[in-house]
């Protein structure tokens, strides 16, 4: 059934198709996205979508490219470490908005202009900072592996809000007897169950460790 709030056909273009597809994936998951459902949301027949995207792969290429476009690009000038930190935090925020994109950001065989512009800007910043091309490749791999890996782990946690952390942790601890896992209990009681604990804050700690290591590698003899 066509969505009564769908956009008029005369206003349809590729960007609107991509935005609608992203909204569906955000709300219901990428597995639920079909051309028929997308057409319904836009108030058109599914076949009309092919005036704007070549096929489902082209649609996915455009969706991923749009997510890359949301990530802060490093400026032409400035400190590389600050720029890489800001970019990493921005990427994690974008992935939290679009969890369906986790695991798909580097999967496209035909990356779009925003994707290519993003990677070129990151490499350019590292090269201007004095990174060799090999060290820049190492840096990009280490940073992206950490960003995507953290986003995936955060997505799959058994709680989705800070206030639920204590409930889930206490439920897990209730399954074993006192003293059975002393180190795990210590971490839970002394850290996880403390007021204000937010697992997401672990991200910047690990990120800074990587940046420290890259800085050391950059200035090594």
Protein backbone atom coordinates (compact mmCIF):
# COMPACT_ATOMS: atom_id res chain seq x y z
CA UNK A 1 0.00 0.00 0.00
CA UNK A 2 1.35 3.41 -0.92
CA UNK A 3 2.39 5.55 2.05
CA UNK A 4 -0.09 8.44 2.42
CA UNK A 5 2.78 10.67 3.50
CA UNK A 6 4.83 9.86 0.42
CA UNK A 7 6.55 12.58 -1.56
CA UNK A 8 4.95 13.76 -4.81
CA UNK A 9 6.40 12.04 -7.86
CA UNK A 10 7.43 15.33 -9.48
CA UNK A 11 9.91 15.95 -6.66
CA UNK A 12 11.57 12.55 -6.92
CA UNK A 13 15.28 12.32 -7.67
CA UNK A 14 18.16 10.02 -6.80
CA UNK A 15 18.94 11.76 -3.53
CA UNK A 16 15.35 11.45 -2.33
CA UNK A 17 15.37 7.77 -3.21
CA UNK A 18 18.56 7.27 -1.19
CA UNK A 19 17.23 9.24 1.78
CA UNK A 20 14.03 7.21 1.81
CA UNK A 21 16.00 3.94 1.60
CA UNK A 22 18.22 5.02 4.50
CA UNK A 23 15.18 5.95 6.58
CA UNK A 24 13.67 2.51 5.99
CA UNK A 25 16.92 0.75 6.83
CA UNK A 26 17.38 2.87 9.97
CA UNK A 27 13.88 2.07 11.15
CA UNK A 28 13.54 -1.59 10.20
CA UNK A 29 16.99 -2.94 9.27
CA UNK A 30 18.63 -3.42 5.91
CA UNK A 31 17.15 -6.91 5.50
CA UNK A 32 13.65 -5.40 5.36
CA UNK A 33 14.51 -2.99 2.56
CA UNK A 34 12.94 -3.99 -0.74
CA UNK A 35 12.27 -2.02 -3.89
CA UNK A 36 8.56 -2.53 -3.36
CA UNK A 37 8.62 -1.10 0.15
CA UNK A 38 10.80 1.76 -1.02
CA UNK A 39 8.39 2.52 -3.84
CA UNK A 40 5.48 2.47 -1.38
CA UNK A 41 7.23 4.94 0.88
CA UNK A 42 7.85 7.29 -2.03
CA UNK A 43 4.37 6.90 -3.46
CA UNK A 44 5.45 5.32 -6.74
CA UNK A 45 5.58 1.91 -8.35
CA UNK A 46 8.76 -0.03 -7.64
CA UNK A 47 9.70 -0.05 -11.33
CA UNK A 48 9.85 3.77 -11.32
CA UNK A 49 12.79 3.58 -8.93
CA UNK A 50 14.95 2.31 -11.75
CA UNK A 51 14.84 5.78 -13.28
CA UNK A 52 17.04 6.84 -10.37
CA UNK A 53 19.02 3.73 -9.34
CA UNK A 54 20.23 1.04 -11.70
CA UNK A 55 19.56 -1.87 -9.33
CA UNK A 56 19.71 -2.92 -5.67
CA UNK A 57 23.51 -2.81 -5.69
CA UNK A 58 23.48 0.73 -7.02
CA UNK A 59 21.00 1.65 -4.29
CA UNK A 60 23.31 0.22 -1.63
CA UNK A 61 26.31 2.00 -3.15
CA UNK A 62 24.44 5.28 -2.88
CA UNK A 63 23.29 4.62 0.68
CA UNK A 64 26.82 3.84 1.87
CA UNK A 65 28.14 6.87 0.02
CA UNK A 66 25.58 9.04 1.79
CA UNK A 67 26.75 7.74 5.18
CA UNK A 68 30.35 8.54 4.26
CA UNK A 69 29.17 12.04 3.41
CA UNK A 70 28.01 12.48 7.03
CA UNK A 71 31.50 11.88 8.46
CA UNK A 72 33.66 14.93 9.17
CA UNK A 73 36.51 15.29 6.72
CA UNK A 74 39.92 16.36 8.01
CA UNK A 75 40.75 19.94 7.10
CA UNK A 76 43.56 20.75 4.70
CA UNK A 77 45.50 22.38 7.50
CA UNK A 78 45.87 21.57 11.19
CA UNK A 79 47.12 18.89 13.52
CA UNK A 80 46.77 15.36 12.10
CA UNK A 81 46.04 13.80 15.47
CA UNK A 82 43.18 16.19 16.24
CA UNK A 83 41.79 15.67 12.74
CA UNK A 84 41.96 11.87 12.96
CA UNK A 85 40.35 11.90 16.40
CA UNK A 86 37.50 14.11 15.22
CA UNK A 87 37.02 11.98 12.13
CA UNK A 88 36.92 8.75 14.16
CA UNK A 89 34.37 10.13 16.62
CA UNK A 90 32.25 11.45 13.74
CA UNK A 91 32.36 8.06 12.03
CA UNK A 92 31.19 6.30 15.19
CA UNK A 93 28.31 8.78 15.53
CA UNK A 94 27.30 8.20 11.89
CA UNK A 95 27.33 4.43 12.40
CA UNK A 96 25.23 4.76 15.54
CA UNK A 97 22.63 6.57 13.42
CA UNK A 98 22.83 3.93 10.71
CA UNK A 99 23.70 0.59 12.37
CA UNK A 100 22.81 -1.30 9.18
CA UNK A 101 25.94 0.25 7.61
CA UNK A 102 28.28 -1.44 10.10
CA UNK A 103 30.26 -4.08 8.21
CA UNK A 104 29.34 -2.56 4.86
CA UNK A 105 31.35 0.67 4.78
CA UNK A 106 34.29 -0.86 2.91
CA UNK A 107 32.33 -3.53 1.06
CA UNK A 108 31.41 -1.69 -2.13
CA UNK A 109 33.17 -2.56 -5.40
CA UNK A 110 31.96 0.70 -6.94
CA UNK A 111 32.42 3.34 -4.20
CA UNK A 112 30.77 6.71 -4.71
CA UNK A 113 32.32 10.19 -4.76
CA UNK A 114 31.80 10.90 -1.06
CA UNK A 115 33.49 7.61 -0.17
CA UNK A 116 36.47 8.31 -2.41
CA UNK A 117 36.69 11.94 -1.25
CA UNK A 118 36.66 10.78 2.37
CA UNK A 119 39.51 8.30 2.00
CA UNK A 120 41.54 10.69 -0.16
CA UNK A 121 41.21 13.44 2.47
CA UNK A 122 42.26 11.11 5.29
CA UNK A 123 45.30 9.85 3.39
CA UNK A 124 46.16 13.41 2.34
CA UNK A 125 46.13 14.63 5.93
CA UNK A 126 48.43 11.82 7.02
CA UNK A 127 50.82 12.40 4.13
CA UNK A 128 51.02 16.13 4.85
CA UNK A 129 51.81 15.28 8.48
CA UNK A 130 54.86 13.31 7.35
CA UNK A 131 53.48 9.77 7.23
CA UNK A 132 55.10 7.61 4.58
CA UNK A 133 52.62 5.99 2.21
CA UNK A 134 53.19 2.67 3.97
CA UNK A 135 52.68 4.15 7.44
CA UNK A 136 49.58 5.99 6.19
CA UNK A 137 48.18 2.65 5.00
CA UNK A 138 48.93 1.13 8.41
CA UNK A 139 47.26 4.07 10.15
CA UNK A 140 44.13 3.92 8.03
CA UNK A 141 43.80 0.18 8.56
CA UNK A 142 44.33 0.40 12.33
CA UNK A 143 41.91 3.30 12.79
CA UNK A 144 39.15 1.92 10.60
CA UNK A 145 39.42 -1.57 12.09
CA UNK A 146 39.01 -0.05 15.53
CA UNK A 147 36.13 2.26 14.56
CA UNK A 148 34.13 -0.45 12.78
CA UNK A 149 34.96 -3.09 15.36
CA UNK A 150 33.88 -0.90 18.26
CA UNK A 151 30.68 0.08 16.46
CA UNK A 152 29.87 -3.59 15.84
CA UNK A 153 30.55 -4.56 19.46
CA UNK A 154 28.50 -1.63 20.75
CA UNK A 155 25.62 -2.53 18.42
CA UNK A 156 25.53 -6.09 19.76
CA UNK A 157 25.64 -5.29 23.46
CA UNK A 158 22.71 -6.80 25.40
CA UNK A 159 21.60 -3.31 26.43
CA UNK A 160 20.84 -0.23 24.35
CA UNK A 161 20.74 2.50 26.94
CA UNK A 162 23.05 3.50 29.76
CA UNK A 163 20.37 3.08 32.41
CA UNK A 164 19.91 -0.60 31.41
CA UNK A 165 23.58 -1.45 31.92
CA UNK A 166 23.16 -2.06 35.66
CA UNK A 167 20.07 -4.22 35.15
CA UNK A 168 21.78 -6.47 32.61
CA UNK A 169 25.01 -6.67 34.60
CA UNK A 170 23.20 -7.58 37.82
CA UNK A 171 21.15 -10.22 36.00
CA UNK A 172 24.36 -11.82 34.67
CA UNK A 173 26.04 -11.73 38.09
CA UNK A 174 23.01 -13.36 39.72
CA UNK A 175 23.70 -16.52 37.73
CA UNK A 176 26.95 -17.34 39.58
CA UNK A 177 27.78 -17.70 43.25
CA UNK A 178 29.72 -15.15 45.28
CA UNK A 179 33.46 -15.44 44.72
CA UNK A 180 33.13 -17.67 41.65
CA UNK A 181 34.54 -15.08 39.23
CA UNK A 182 36.34 -12.57 41.47
CA UNK A 183 37.97 -10.45 38.79
CA UNK A 184 34.81 -10.18 36.71
CA UNK A 185 32.86 -9.26 39.84
CA UNK A 186 35.43 -6.62 40.76
CA UNK A 187 35.14 -4.96 37.36
CA UNK A 188 31.36 -5.07 37.46
CA UNK A 189 31.06 -3.66 40.97
CA UNK A 190 33.91 -1.16 40.90
CA UNK A 191 33.46 0.09 37.36
CA UNK A 192 30.41 -0.97 35.34
CA UNK A 193 27.89 -0.53 38.16
CA UNK A 194 29.21 2.86 39.20
CA UNK A 195 26.87 5.85 38.61
CA UNK A 196 27.31 7.44 35.21
CA UNK A 197 29.07 4.49 33.58
CA UNK A 198 28.73 4.61 29.81
CA UNK A 199 30.34 1.92 27.68
CA UNK A 200 30.58 4.38 24.79
CA UNK A 201 33.23 6.34 26.70
CA UNK A 202 35.60 3.41 26.22
CA UNK A 203 35.84 4.42 22.56
CA UNK A 204 38.01 7.50 23.06
CA UNK A 205 40.35 5.68 25.45
CA UNK A 206 41.16 3.03 22.85
CA UNK A 207 41.28 5.62 20.08
CA UNK A 208 43.87 7.68 21.95
CA UNK A 209 46.02 4.58 22.48
CA UNK A 210 46.08 4.01 18.72
CA UNK A 211 46.87 7.67 18.05
CA UNK A 212 49.69 7.52 20.61
CA UNK A 213 51.13 4.50 18.83
CA UNK A 214 50.88 6.16 15.43
CA UNK A 215 52.56 9.29 16.75
CA UNK A 216 55.40 7.15 18.13
CA UNK A 217 55.75 5.37 14.77
CA UNK A 218 55.75 8.69 12.92
CA UNK A 219 58.66 10.03 14.97
CA UNK A 220 60.64 6.80 15.15
CA UNK A 221 64.13 6.89 13.57
